[in-house]
C-alpha atoms as a PDB file:
ATOM      1  CA  UNK A   1     -17.990   5.202  33.107  1.00  0.00           C
ATOM      2  CA  UNK A   2     -16.521   6.967  30.107  1.00  0.00           C
ATOM      3  CA  UNK A   3     -17.297  10.692  30.121  1.00  0.00           C
ATOM      4  CA  UNK A   4     -19.073  12.405  27.236  1.00  0.00           C
ATOM      5  CA  UNK A   5     -17.116  15.165  25.487  1.00  0.00           C
ATOM      6  CA  UNK A   6     -19.093  17.668  23.414  1.00  0.00           C
ATOM      7  CA  UNK A   7     -16.754  20.223  21.872  1.00  0.00           C
ATOM      8  CA  UNK A   8     -17.605  23.283  19.793  1.00  0.00           C
ATOM      9  CA  UNK A   9     -14.709  24.326  17.545  1.00  0.00           C
ATOM     10  CA  UNK A  10     -15.003  27.975  16.615  1.00  0.00           C
ATOM     11  CA  UNK A  11     -12.943  31.122  16.172  1.00  0.00           C
ATOM     12  CA  UNK A  12     -11.619  33.436  13.508  1.00  0.00           C
ATOM     13  CA  UNK A  13     -11.693  32.566   9.834  1.00  0.00           C
ATOM     14  CA  UNK A  14      -8.245  31.410   8.784  1.00  0.00           C
ATOM     15  CA  UNK A  15      -7.192  30.495  12.327  1.00  0.00           C
ATOM     16  CA  UNK A  16      -7.120  26.753  11.642  1.00  0.00           C
ATOM     17  CA  UNK A  17     -10.552  25.331  12.430  1.00  0.00           C
ATOM     18  CA  UNK A  18     -10.381  22.804   9.601  1.00  0.00           C
ATOM     19  CA  UNK A  19      -7.010  21.546  10.775  1.00  0.00           C
ATOM     20  CA  UNK A  20      -8.320  21.425  14.341  1.00  0.00           C
ATOM     21  CA  UNK A  21     -11.221  19.247  13.217  1.00  0.00           C
ATOM     22  CA  UNK A  22      -8.738  16.844  11.625  1.00  0.00           C
ATOM     23  CA  UNK A  23      -6.906  16.680  14.943  1.00  0.00           C
ATOM     24  CA  UNK A  24     -10.128  15.760  16.729  1.00  0.00           C
ATOM     25  CA  UNK A  25     -10.813  13.084  14.124  1.00  0.00           C
ATOM     26  CA  UNK A  26      -7.377  11.604  14.841  1.00  0.00           C
ATOM     27  CA  UNK A  27      -8.295  11.551  18.532  1.00  0.00           C
ATOM     28  CA  UNK A  28     -11.362   9.453  17.789  1.00  0.00           C
ATOM     29  CA  UNK A  29     -14.017  12.168  17.860  1.00  0.00           C
ATOM     30  CA  UNK A  30     -17.075  12.135  15.609  1.00  0.00           C
ATOM     31  CA  UNK A  31     -16.791  15.457  13.769  1.00  0.00           C
ATOM     32  CA  UNK A  32     -19.172  17.624  11.756  1.00  0.00           C
ATOM     33  CA  UNK A  33     -18.187  20.812   9.971  1.00  0.00           C
ATOM     34  CA  UNK A  34     -20.450  23.897   9.776  1.00  0.00           C
ATOM     35  CA  UNK A  35     -23.495  22.435  11.484  1.00  0.00           C
ATOM     36  CA  UNK A  36     -26.212  25.125  11.842  1.00  0.00           C
ATOM     37  CA  UNK A  37     -26.541  25.943  15.576  1.00  0.00           C
ATOM     38  CA  UNK A  38     -30.308  25.370  15.572  1.00  0.00           C
ATOM     39  CA  UNK A  39     -29.613  21.702  14.772  1.00  0.00           C
ATOM     40  CA  UNK A  40     -27.115  21.198  17.591  1.00  0.00           C
ATOM     41  CA  UNK A  41     -29.653  20.311  20.352  1.00  0.00           C
ATOM     42  CA  UNK A  42     -31.350  17.714  18.151  1.00  0.00           C
ATOM     43  CA  UNK A  43     -27.986  16.261  17.206  1.00  0.00           C
ATOM     44  CA  UNK A  44     -27.019  16.139  20.902  1.00  0.00           C
ATOM     45  CA  UNK A  45     -30.185  14.163  21.624  1.00  0.00           C
ATOM     46  CA  UNK A  46     -29.256  11.649  18.947  1.00  0.00           C
ATOM     47  CA  UNK A  47     -25.763  11.314  20.387  1.00  0.00           C
ATOM     48  CA  UNK A  48     -27.164  10.520  23.827  1.00  0.00           C
ATOM     49  CA  UNK A  49     -29.210   7.684  22.298  1.00  0.00           C
ATOM     50  CA  UNK A  50     -26.189   6.172  20.561  1.00  0.00           C
ATOM     51  CA  UNK A  51     -22.706   5.039  21.556  1.00  0.00           C
ATOM     52  CA  UNK A  52     -21.139   8.312  20.382  1.00  0.00           C
ATOM     53  CA  UNK A  53     -19.307   9.685  23.400  1.00  0.00           C
ATOM     54  CA  UNK A  54     -16.905  12.181  21.889  1.00  0.00           C
ATOM     55  CA  UNK A  55     -18.253  14.829  19.542  1.00  0.00           C
ATOM     56  CA  UNK A  56     -16.634  17.870  17.930  1.00  0.00           C
ATOM     57  CA  UNK A  57     -18.614  20.393  15.884  1.00  0.00           C
ATOM     58  CA  UNK A  58     -17.182  23.251  13.837  1.00  0.00           C
ATOM     59  CA  UNK A  59     -19.466  26.269  14.147  1.00  0.00           C
ATOM     60  CA  UNK A  60     -18.563  29.709  12.792  1.00  0.00           C
ATOM     61  CA  UNK A  61     -19.886  32.750  10.960  1.00  0.00           C
ATOM     62  CA  UNK A  62     -20.268  30.776   7.741  1.00  0.00           C
ATOM     63  CA  UNK A  63     -23.659  29.921   9.209  1.00  0.00           C
ATOM     64  CA  UNK A  64     -24.760  33.515   8.641  1.00  0.00           C
ATOM     65  CA  UNK A  65     -27.880  34.419  10.579  1.00  0.00           C
ATOM     66  CA  UNK A  66     -28.044  30.891  11.968  1.00  0.00           C
ATOM     67  CA  UNK A  67     -24.890  31.661  13.965  1.00  0.00           C
ATOM     68  CA  UNK A  68     -26.886  34.041  16.172  1.00  0.00           C
ATOM     69  CA  UNK A  69     -28.697  31.103  17.755  1.00  0.00           C
ATOM     70  CA  UNK A  70     -25.517  29.408  19.023  1.00  0.00           C
ATOM     71  CA  UNK A  71     -25.809  30.621  22.627  1.00  0.00           C
ATOM     72  CA  UNK A  72     -29.391  29.412  22.863  1.00  0.00           C
ATOM     73  CA  UNK A  73     -28.414  26.096  21.283  1.00  0.00           C
ATOM     74  CA  UNK A  74     -25.631  25.533  23.824  1.00  0.00           C
ATOM     75  CA  UNK A  75     -28.038  26.255  26.675  1.00  0.00           C
ATOM     76  CA  UNK A  76     -30.353  23.578  25.287  1.00  0.00           C
ATOM     77  CA  UNK A  77     -27.449  21.118  25.152  1.00  0.00           C
ATOM     78  CA  UNK A  78     -26.684  21.817  28.817  1.00  0.00           C
ATOM     79  CA  UNK A  79     -30.304  21.084  29.711  1.00  0.00           C
ATOM     80  CA  UNK A  80     -29.828  17.647  28.160  1.00  0.00           C
ATOM     81  CA  UNK A  81     -27.121  16.933  30.717  1.00  0.00           C
ATOM     82  CA  UNK A  82     -24.117  17.527  28.462  1.00  0.00           C
ATOM     83  CA  UNK A  83     -21.440  20.071  29.205  1.00  0.00           C
ATOM     84  CA  UNK A  84     -20.397  21.719  25.915  1.00  0.00           C
ATOM     85  CA  UNK A  85     -16.786  22.869  25.754  1.00  0.00           C
ATOM     86  CA  UNK A  86     -15.750  25.699  23.452  1.00  0.00           C
ATOM     87  CA  UNK A  87     -12.389  25.652  21.695  1.00  0.00           C
ATOM     88  CA  UNK A  88     -11.709  29.115  20.281  1.00  0.00           C
ATOM     89  CA  UNK A  89      -8.964  29.550  17.686  1.00  0.00           C
ATOM     90  CA  UNK A  90      -7.451  32.899  16.834  1.00  0.00           C
ATOM     91  CA  UNK A  91      -4.338  34.314  15.181  1.00  0.00           C
ATOM     92  CA  UNK A  92      -2.633  37.669  14.736  1.00  0.00           C
ATOM     93  CA  UNK A  93      -3.958  39.980  12.014  1.00  0.00           C
ATOM     94  CA  UNK A  94      -0.801  39.797   9.913  1.00  0.00           C
ATOM     95  CA  UNK A  95      -0.901  35.992   9.971  1.00  0.00           C
ATOM     96  CA  UNK A  96      -4.566  35.878   8.993  1.00  0.00           C
ATOM     97  CA  UNK A  97      -4.004  38.331   6.147  1.00  0.00           C
ATOM     98  CA  UNK A  98      -1.103  36.251   4.863  1.00  0.00           C
ATOM     99  CA  UNK A  99      -3.147  33.059   4.997  1.00  0.00           C
ATOM    100  CA  UNK A 100      -6.012  34.610   3.057  1.00  0.00           C
ATOM    101  CA  UNK A 101      -3.610  35.963   0.452  1.00  0.00           C
ATOM    102  CA  UNK A 102      -1.987  32.559   0.057  1.00  0.00           C
ATOM    103  CA  UNK A 103      -5.335  30.819  -0.298  1.00  0.00           C
ATOM    104  CA  UNK A 104      -6.735  33.601  -2.527  1.00  0.00           C
ATOM    105  CA  UNK A 105     -10.035  33.334  -0.716  1.00  0.00           C
ATOM    106  CA  UNK A 106     -12.353  36.159   0.286  1.00  0.00           C
ATOM    107  CA  UNK A 107     -12.982  36.789   3.940  1.00  0.00           C
ATOM    108  CA  UNK A 108     -16.503  35.514   4.774  1.00  0.00           C
ATOM    109  CA  UNK A 109     -17.244  38.542   6.952  1.00  0.00           C
ATOM    110  CA  UNK A 110     -16.280  41.036   4.242  1.00  0.00           C
ATOM    111  CA  UNK A 111     -16.798  39.367   0.847  1.00  0.00           C
ATOM    112  CA  UNK A 112     -16.699  42.740  -0.943  1.00  0.00           C
ATOM    113  CA  UNK A 113     -14.269  44.560   1.326  1.00  0.00           C
ATOM    114  CA  UNK A 114     -10.709  44.193   2.537  1.00  0.00           C
ATOM    115  CA  UNK A 115      -9.479  41.206   4.495  1.00  0.00           C
ATOM    116  CA  UNK A 116      -8.426  43.466   7.367  1.00  0.00           C
ATOM    117  CA  UNK A 117     -11.930  44.916   7.621  1.00  0.00           C
ATOM    118  CA  UNK A 118     -13.346  41.417   7.658  1.00  0.00           C
ATOM    119  CA  UNK A 119     -10.998  40.347  10.435  1.00  0.00           C
ATOM    120  CA  UNK A 120     -11.864  43.380  12.554  1.00  0.00           C
ATOM    121  CA  UNK A 121     -15.583  42.832  12.104  1.00  0.00           C
ATOM    122  CA  UNK A 122     -15.321  39.151  12.886  1.00  0.00           C
ATOM    123  CA  UNK A 123     -13.284  39.798  16.032  1.00  0.00           C
ATOM    124  CA  UNK A 124     -15.994  42.114  17.273  1.00  0.00           C
ATOM    125  CA  UNK A 125     -18.733  39.663  16.367  1.00  0.00           C
ATOM    126  CA  UNK A 126     -17.040  36.784  18.179  1.00  0.00           C
ATOM    127  CA  UNK A 127     -15.891  38.683  21.286  1.00  0.00           C
ATOM    128  CA  UNK A 128     -18.651  37.365  23.557  1.00  0.00           C
ATOM    129  CA  UNK A 129     -18.135  33.786  22.359  1.00  0.00           C
ATOM    130  CA  UNK A 130     -14.393  34.068  22.919  1.00  0.00           C
ATOM    131  CA  UNK A 131     -15.080  35.099  26.514  1.00  0.00           C
ATOM    132  CA  UNK A 132     -16.973  31.825  27.055  1.00  0.00           C
ATOM    133  CA  UNK A 133     -14.207  29.628  25.637  1.00  0.00           C
ATOM    134  CA  UNK A 134     -13.014  26.637  27.627  1.00  0.00           C
ATOM    135  CA  UNK A 135      -9.725  26.682  25.704  1.00  0.00           C
ATOM    136  CA  UNK A 136      -8.167  29.496  23.674  1.00  0.00           C
ATOM    137  CA  UNK A 137      -5.368  28.735  21.184  1.00  0.00           C
ATOM    138  CA  UNK A 138      -3.470  31.307  19.139  1.00  0.00           C
ATOM    139  CA  UNK A 139      -2.262  29.468  16.041  1.00  0.00           C
ATOM    140  CA  UNK A 140      -0.015  32.252  14.699  1.00  0.00           C
ATOM    141  CA  UNK A 141       3.221  30.398  15.370  1.00  0.00           C
ATOM    142  CA  UNK A 142       1.987  26.815  15.575  1.00  0.00           C
ATOM    143  CA  UNK A 143       2.720  24.102  13.043  1.00  0.00           C
ATOM    144  CA  UNK A 144       0.036  21.502  12.401  1.00  0.00           C
ATOM    145  CA  UNK A 145       1.642  18.972  14.721  1.00  0.00           C
ATOM    146  CA  UNK A 146       2.040  21.604  17.462  1.00  0.00           C
ATOM    147  CA  UNK A 147      -1.652  22.466  17.159  1.00  0.00           C
ATOM    148  CA  UNK A 148      -2.503  18.791  17.396  1.00  0.00           C
ATOM    149  CA  UNK A 149      -0.433  18.497  20.542  1.00  0.00           C
ATOM    150  CA  UNK A 150      -2.177  21.471  22.157  1.00  0.00           C
ATOM    151  CA  UNK A 151      -5.596  20.047  21.359  1.00  0.00           C
ATOM    152  CA  UNK A 152      -4.628  16.597  22.623  1.00  0.00           C
ATOM    153  CA  UNK A 153      -3.527  17.984  25.977  1.00  0.00           C
ATOM    154  CA  UNK A 154      -7.066  19.171  26.691  1.00  0.00           C
ATOM    155  CA  UNK A 155      -9.370  17.008  24.627  1.00  0.00           C
ATOM    156  CA  UNK A 156      -7.863  13.535  24.228  1.00  0.00           C
ATOM    157  CA  UNK A 157     -10.840  11.248  24.667  1.00  0.00           C
ATOM    158  CA  UNK A 158      -9.224   8.664  26.901  1.00  0.00           C
ATOM    159  CA  UNK A 159      -8.069  11.107  29.576  1.00  0.00           C
ATOM    160  CA  UNK A 160      -4.478   9.885  29.529  1.00  0.00           C
ATOM    161  CA  UNK A 161      -3.229  13.362  28.678  1.00  0.00           C
ATOM    162  CA  UNK A 162      -1.835  13.944  32.125  1.00  0.00           C
ATOM    163  CA  UNK A 163       1.256  12.483  30.481  1.00  0.00           C
ATOM    164  CA  UNK A 164       1.492  12.671  26.719  1.00  0.00           C
ATOM    165  CA  UNK A 165       4.418  11.374  24.686  1.00  0.00           C
ATOM    166  CA  UNK A 166       4.929  12.932  21.257  1.00  0.00           C
ATOM    167  CA  UNK A 167       7.269  11.059  18.924  1.00  0.00           C
ATOM    168  CA  UNK A 168       8.447  13.272  16.044  1.00  0.00           C
ATOM    169  CA  UNK A 169      10.539  12.298  13.051  1.00  0.00           C
ATOM    170  CA  UNK A 170      12.554  14.998  11.294  1.00  0.00           C
ATOM    171  CA  UNK A 171      15.387  15.607   8.869  1.00  0.00           C
ATOM    172  CA  UNK A 172      18.560  17.302  10.090  1.00  0.00           C
ATOM    173  CA  UNK A 173      18.777  19.156   6.783  1.00  0.00           C
ATOM    174  CA  UNK A 174      15.516  20.903   7.705  1.00  0.00           C
ATOM    175  CA  UNK A 175      16.616  21.857  11.215  1.00  0.00           C
ATOM    176  CA  UNK A 176      16.240  20.372  14.684  1.00  0.00           C
ATOM    177  CA  UNK A 177      12.776  20.648  16.358  1.00  0.00           C
ATOM    178  CA  UNK A 178      13.136  23.474  18.864  1.00  0.00           C
ATOM    179  CA  UNK A 179      10.628  21.925  21.270  1.00  0.00           C
ATOM    180  CA  UNK A 180      12.292  18.507  21.544  1.00  0.00           C
ATOM    181  CA  UNK A 181      12.975  17.247  25.064  1.00  0.00           C
ATOM    182  CA  UNK A 182      14.966  14.243  23.855  1.00  0.00           C
ATOM    183  CA  UNK A 183      16.704  13.977  20.482  1.00  0.00           C
ATOM    184  CA  UNK A 184      18.160  10.883  18.842  1.00  0.00           C
ATOM    185  CA  UNK A 185      20.248  10.731  15.677  1.00  0.00           C
ATOM    186  CA  UNK A 186      19.660   7.550  13.635  1.00  0.00           C
ATOM    187  CA  UNK A 187      21.870   8.461  10.689  1.00  0.00           C
ATOM    188  CA  UNK A 188      24.180   5.593  11.689  1.00  0.00           C
ATOM    189  CA  UNK A 189      21.590   3.082  10.451  1.00  0.00           C
ATOM    190  CA  UNK A 190      21.875   1.778   6.856  1.00  0.00           C
ATOM    191  CA  UNK A 191      20.286   4.253   4.473  1.00  0.00           C
ATOM    192  CA  UNK A 192      17.483   2.884   2.217  1.00  0.00           C
ATOM    193  CA  UNK A 193      18.213   5.721  -0.194  1.00  0.00           C
ATOM    194  CA  UNK A 194      21.023   3.653  -1.647  1.00  0.00           C
ATOM    195  CA  UNK A 195      18.822   0.618  -2.306  1.00  0.00           C
ATOM    196  CA  UNK A 196      17.132   0.280  -5.687  1.00  0.00           C
ATOM    197  CA  UNK A 197      13.368   0.428  -5.288  1.00  0.00           C
ATOM    198  CA  UNK A 198      13.431   2.047  -1.842  1.00  0.00           C
ATOM    199  CA  UNK A 199      14.606   5.553  -2.685  1.00  0.00           C
ATOM    200  CA  UNK A 200      11.101   6.844  -3.410  1.00  0.00           C
ATOM    201  CA  UNK A 201       9.543   4.957  -0.496  1.00  0.00           C
ATOM    202  CA  UNK A 202       9.301   6.235   3.056  1.00  0.00           C
ATOM    203  CA  UNK A 203       9.643   4.782   6.513  1.00  0.00           C
ATOM    204  CA  UNK A 204       5.893   4.163   6.457  1.00  0.00           C
ATOM    205  CA  UNK A 205       6.398   1.511   3.797  1.00  0.00           C
ATOM    206  CA  UNK A 206       6.875  -2.069   4.938  1.00  0.00           C
ATOM    207  CA  UNK A 207       9.709  -2.593   2.446  1.00  0.00           C
ATOM    208  CA  UNK A 208      11.790   0.080   4.206  1.00  0.00           C
ATOM    209  CA  UNK A 209      11.015  -1.390   7.628  1.00  0.00           C
ATOM    210  CA  UNK A 210      12.036  -4.848   6.464  1.00  0.00           C
ATOM    211  CA  UNK A 211      15.258  -3.502   4.990  1.00  0.00           C
ATOM    212  CA  UNK A 212      16.241  -1.786   8.230  1.00  0.00           C
ATOM    213  CA  UNK A 213      15.361  -4.875  10.256  1.00  0.00           C
ATOM    214  CA  UNK A 214      17.812  -6.988   8.250  1.00  0.00           C
ATOM    215  CA  UNK A 215      20.740  -5.303   9.973  1.00  0.00           C
ATOM    216  CA  UNK A 216      22.042  -6.377  13.401  1.00  0.00           C
ATOM    217  CA  UNK A 217      22.728  -2.776  14.424  1.00  0.00           C
ATOM    218  CA  UNK A 218      19.046  -1.959  14.023  1.00  0.00           C
ATOM    219  CA  UNK A 219      18.056  -4.648  16.522  1.00  0.00           C
ATOM    220  CA  UNK A 220      20.876  -3.697  18.880  1.00  0.00           C
ATOM    221  CA  UNK A 221      19.779  -0.069  18.707  1.00  0.00           C
ATOM    222  CA  UNK A 222      16.130  -0.913  19.425  1.00  0.00           C
ATOM    223  CA  UNK A 223      17.160  -3.045  22.386  1.00  0.00           C
ATOM    224  CA  UNK A 224      19.125  -0.236  24.047  1.00  0.00           C
ATOM    225  CA  UNK A 225      16.832   2.557  22.875  1.00  0.00           C
ATOM    226  CA  UNK A 226      13.582   1.016  24.093  1.00  0.00           C
ATOM    227  CA  UNK A 227      15.162   0.004  27.392  1.00  0.00           C
ATOM    228  CA  UNK A 228      16.290   3.601  27.895  1.00  0.00           C
ATOM    229  CA  UNK A 229      12.849   5.007  27.027  1.00  0.00           C
ATOM    230  CA  UNK A 230      11.132   2.510  29.325  1.00  0.00           C
ATOM    231  CA  UNK A 231      13.360   3.699  32.145  1.00  0.00           C
ATOM    232  CA  UNK A 232      12.874   7.413  31.435  1.00  0.00           C
ATOM    233  CA  UNK A 233       9.108   7.702  31.022  1.00  0.00           C
ATOM    234  CA  UNK A 234       7.966   6.867  34.564  1.00  0.00           C
ATOM    235  CA  UNK A 235      10.696   9.081  35.958  1.00  0.00           C
ATOM    236  CA  UNK A 236       9.599  12.059  33.860  1.00  0.00           C
ATOM    237  CA  UNK A 237       6.019  11.396  34.861  1.00  0.00           C
ATOM    238  CA  UNK A 238       6.958  11.138  38.524  1.00  0.00           C
ATOM    239  CA  UNK A 239       8.515  14.607  38.326  1.00  0.00           C
ATOM    240  CA  UNK A 240       5.181  16.050  37.226  1.00  0.00           C
ATOM    241  CA  UNK A 241       5.787  16.364  33.491  1.00  0.00           C
ATOM    242  CA  UNK A 242       2.560  16.512  31.474  1.00  0.00           C
ATOM    243  CA  UNK A 243       4.173  15.889  28.090  1.00  0.00           C
ATOM    244  CA  UNK A 244       7.440  14.726  26.586  1.00  0.00           C
ATOM    245  CA  UNK A 245       8.623  15.332  23.032  1.00  0.00           C
ATOM    246  CA  UNK A 246      11.016  12.734  21.602  1.00  0.00           C
ATOM    247  CA  UNK A 247      12.559  13.685  18.263  1.00  0.00           C
ATOM    248  CA  UNK A 248      14.153  11.129  15.939  1.00  0.00           C
ATOM    249  CA  UNK A 249      16.296  12.491  13.126  1.00  0.00           C
ATOM    250  CA  UNK A 250      17.909  11.228   9.952  1.00  0.00           C
ATOM    251  CA  UNK A 251      19.266  13.229   7.029  1.00  0.00           C
ATOM    252  CA  UNK A 252      16.076  14.154   5.202  1.00  0.00           C
ATOM    253  CA  UNK A 253      13.333  12.910   7.502  1.00  0.00           C
ATOM    254  CA  UNK A 254      11.985  10.376   5.005  1.00  0.00           C
ATOM    255  CA  UNK A 255      13.264   6.844   5.652  1.00  0.00           C
ATOM    256  CA  UNK A 256      15.108   5.927   8.840  1.00  0.00           C
ATOM    257  CA  UNK A 257      13.686   8.504  11.230  1.00  0.00           C
ATOM    258  CA  UNK A 258      10.121   7.761  10.111  1.00  0.00           C
ATOM    259  CA  UNK A 259      10.487   3.997  10.579  1.00  0.00           C
ATOM    260  CA  UNK A 260      12.140   4.378  13.986  1.00  0.00           C
ATOM    261  CA  UNK A 261       9.550   6.919  15.139  1.00  0.00           C
ATOM    262  CA  UNK A 262       6.728   4.563  14.192  1.00  0.00           C
ATOM    263  CA  UNK A 263       8.427   1.759  16.118  1.00  0.00           C
ATOM    264  CA  UNK A 264       8.875   4.059  19.104  1.00  0.00           C
ATOM    265  CA  UNK A 265       5.198   5.010  19.014  1.00  0.00           C
ATOM    266  CA  UNK A 266       4.148   1.356  19.014  1.00  0.00           C
ATOM    267  CA  UNK A 267       6.508   0.574  21.876  1.00  0.00           C
ATOM    268  CA  UNK A 268       5.419   3.481  24.089  1.00  0.00           C
ATOM    269  CA  UNK A 269       1.753   2.793  23.341  1.00  0.00           C
ATOM    270  CA  UNK A 270       2.349  -0.788  24.410  1.00  0.00           C
ATOM    271  CA  UNK A 271       3.577   0.520  27.764  1.00  0.00           C
ATOM    272  CA  UNK A 272       0.181   2.137  28.302  1.00  0.00           C
ATOM    273  CA  UNK A 273       1.023   5.763  27.561  1.00  0.00           C
ATOM    274  CA  UNK A 274      -0.843   8.165  25.319  1.00  0.00           C
ATOM    275  CA  UNK A 275       1.233   8.713  22.171  1.00  0.00           C
ATOM    276  CA  UNK A 276       1.138  11.107  19.240  1.00  0.00           C
ATOM    277  CA  UNK A 277       3.294  10.190  16.242  1.00  0.00           C
ATOM    278  CA  UNK A 278       4.212  12.996  13.860  1.00  0.00           C
ATOM    279  CA  UNK A 279       6.428  13.043  10.777  1.00  0.00           C
ATOM    280  CA  UNK A 280       7.418  16.681  10.542  1.00  0.00           C
ATOM    281  CA  UNK A 281       9.351  16.652   7.280  1.00  0.00           C
ATOM    282  CA  UNK A 282       7.950  13.644   5.467  1.00  0.00           C
ATOM    283  CA  UNK A 283       5.496  15.528   3.275  1.00  0.00           C
ATOM    284  CA  UNK A 284       8.148  17.864   1.910  1.00  0.00           C
ATOM    285  CA  UNK A 285      11.157  15.557   2.175  1.00  0.00           C
ATOM    286  CA  UNK A 286      13.030  14.369  -0.866  1.00  0.00           C
ATOM    287  CA  UNK A 287      14.703  10.994  -0.743  1.00  0.00           C
ATOM    288  CA  UNK A 288      18.076  11.491   0.898  1.00  0.00           C
END
């Protein structure tokens, strides 16, 4: 029987709770942001009466006085037979200050004071909750896709995270991913940049995929590449690896690497493995 997962996402303001919620949504969780703690037990009851098995709730000091009832609410959830898990996000002071300056937002714990005072007060307020956390993540040096990977290791709903494959596209002009276990250069494939009508597209567009699939070298590459990956994965898993990062690079990280990474994700998923597909440079990439 599929296990219920009831996760409370909390932590310091500016530490990435909103991004974390998006990660849970990608993992198939039903997510609610800023639910008052007093409503959590009633919501848990409703979940038990429905087919919702994987829930993630963002709860933090934005709830004001309501936040004080969180411990009592979690105890009520446990009495219902659920086992709430707490994901606590934090970051270094200098990182939090920078994030608040960039967003030009006031700190919710010190709306009239300095950001640093707000951070200090919030740390003190959340100390007991942090001590109860099932998982603690410091997001100071994590990119969005790295945060997603960390969350997936612990909270992926289908419990296939004992071996997780992350397929990442990137552009060499933006630097090689430092956490890649395997790296493949696909700059030898025909470049859609030089085709009228495809320059502003990306590897997520079917027109780019169809263009690449016209060429014999693309099919030859996929044949050898997928055969190699199929051979490697069970061997990595047999050696006790819990995750494997496969990076696919082209010049700018927009066309070829994105299309190949998507194809790799589909192939590995078809083999029965848990897969995360990330396009590191696509959002900021110019057509190259």
